[in-house]
Amino acid sequence: MALQHPQHSRALRPSCRHFGSRAQLWATFNEGNVQAFCGYVYSSFPPGRIGRFTEDGRYLMHIFQAHTATYDALKAMPGLQHSWLYATGC
């Protein structure tokens, strides 16, 4: 289920215009799994929760949904249809 957020394409347009023809590899998120674990299970990152596995899973689900929406927005940009897109560590 992809989220439809127009702010994704608005925020991405300047980067796509500037880097689009030169960048072939785009990362939507950097290590969302580390943020989730350290924020909701281990308590070393905000929001500083301990053992909240359900919240950890919910956070990861939202990261995956946001990655999907960002992926769709990037692929819709002119010249980026053949670029590689990924989320690291998710």
Protein backbone atom coordinates (compact mmCIF):
# COMPACT_ATOMS: atom_id res chain seq x y z
CA MET A 1 0.00 0.00 0.00
CA ALA A 2 1.72 3.17 -1.19
CA LEU A 3 1.06 6.48 0.50
CA GLN A 4 0.22 9.44 -1.68
CA HIS A 5 1.94 12.55 -0.36
CA PRO A 6 2.34 15.53 -2.69
CA GLN A 7 4.99 16.97 -0.35
CA HIS A 8 7.32 14.14 -1.40
CA SER A 9 7.43 15.35 -4.98
CA ARG A 10 7.62 19.01 -3.96
CA ALA A 11 10.58 18.33 -1.67
CA LEU A 12 12.32 16.11 -4.23
CA ARG A 13 12.03 18.42 -7.25
CA PRO A 14 15.04 20.66 -6.44
CA SER A 15 17.35 17.67 -5.87
CA CYS A 16 16.09 15.92 -8.97
CA ARG A 17 16.62 19.01 -11.11
CA HIS A 18 20.12 19.52 -9.73
CA PHE A 19 21.38 15.93 -9.56
CA GLY A 20 18.97 13.99 -11.79
CA SER A 21 21.14 13.68 -14.87
CA ARG A 22 24.28 12.96 -12.81
CA ALA A 23 22.98 10.58 -10.12
CA GLN A 24 22.05 7.00 -10.92
CA LEU A 25 21.74 5.77 -7.33
CA TRP A 26 19.37 7.32 -4.79
CA ALA A 27 18.88 6.31 -1.13
CA THR A 28 15.51 7.19 0.38
CA PHE A 29 16.39 6.38 4.02
CA ASN A 30 19.59 5.57 5.84
CA GLU A 31 19.36 2.69 8.31
CA GLY A 32 15.75 3.03 9.43
CA ASN A 33 16.10 -0.30 11.21
CA VAL A 34 18.84 1.12 13.48
CA GLN A 35 16.70 4.16 14.31
CA ALA A 36 13.75 1.88 15.12
CA PHE A 37 15.72 -0.53 17.31
CA CYS A 38 17.69 2.12 19.14
CA GLY A 39 14.65 4.34 19.64
CA TYR A 40 12.00 1.79 20.64
CA VAL A 41 13.85 -1.26 21.98
CA TYR A 42 17.30 -0.26 23.25
CA SER A 43 16.58 3.37 24.28
CA SER A 44 19.80 4.92 22.96
CA PHE A 45 18.06 7.16 20.36
CA PRO A 46 14.95 9.33 20.70
CA PRO A 47 12.23 8.68 21.72
CA GLY A 48 14.17 6.61 24.28
CA ARG A 49 11.78 3.71 24.80
CA ILE A 50 12.81 0.31 26.16
CA GLY A 51 11.35 -2.98 24.92
CA ARG A 52 8.57 -1.43 22.83
CA PHE A 53 8.53 -4.03 20.06
CA THR A 54 5.05 -3.11 18.82
CA GLU A 55 6.06 0.55 18.46
CA ASP A 56 9.30 -0.56 16.80
CA GLY A 57 7.30 -2.51 14.23
CA ARG A 58 4.92 0.40 13.67
CA TYR A 59 7.86 2.75 13.12
CA LEU A 60 9.40 0.34 10.58
CA MET A 61 6.06 -0.01 8.79
CA HIS A 62 5.87 3.78 8.44
CA ILE A 63 9.47 3.90 7.17
CA PHE A 64 8.62 1.28 4.53
CA GLN A 65 5.48 3.19 3.52
CA ALA A 66 7.42 6.45 3.28
CA HIS A 67 10.14 4.70 1.25
CA THR A 68 7.47 3.43 -1.16
CA ALA A 69 5.94 6.89 -1.55
CA THR A 70 9.37 8.44 -2.08
CA TYR A 71 10.30 5.72 -4.57
CA ASP A 72 7.11 6.37 -6.55
CA ALA A 73 7.70 10.15 -6.49
CA LEU A 74 11.32 9.77 -7.65
CA LYS A 75 10.42 7.33 -10.43
CA ALA A 76 7.83 9.84 -11.67
CA MET A 77 10.48 12.55 -12.05
CA PRO A 78 11.76 13.19 -15.59
CA GLY A 79 15.01 11.34 -16.25
CA LEU A 80 14.88 9.12 -13.14
CA GLN A 81 12.86 6.21 -14.50
CA HIS A 82 16.01 4.09 -14.89
CA SER A 83 17.77 5.15 -11.68
CA TRP A 84 18.37 2.72 -8.82
CA LEU A 85 16.54 3.55 -5.59
CA TYR A 86 16.93 1.84 -2.24
CA ALA A 87 16.60 2.24 1.51
CA THR A 88 19.74 1.23 3.38
CA GLY A 89 19.49 -1.13 6.31
CA CYS A 90 15.73 -1.58 6.21
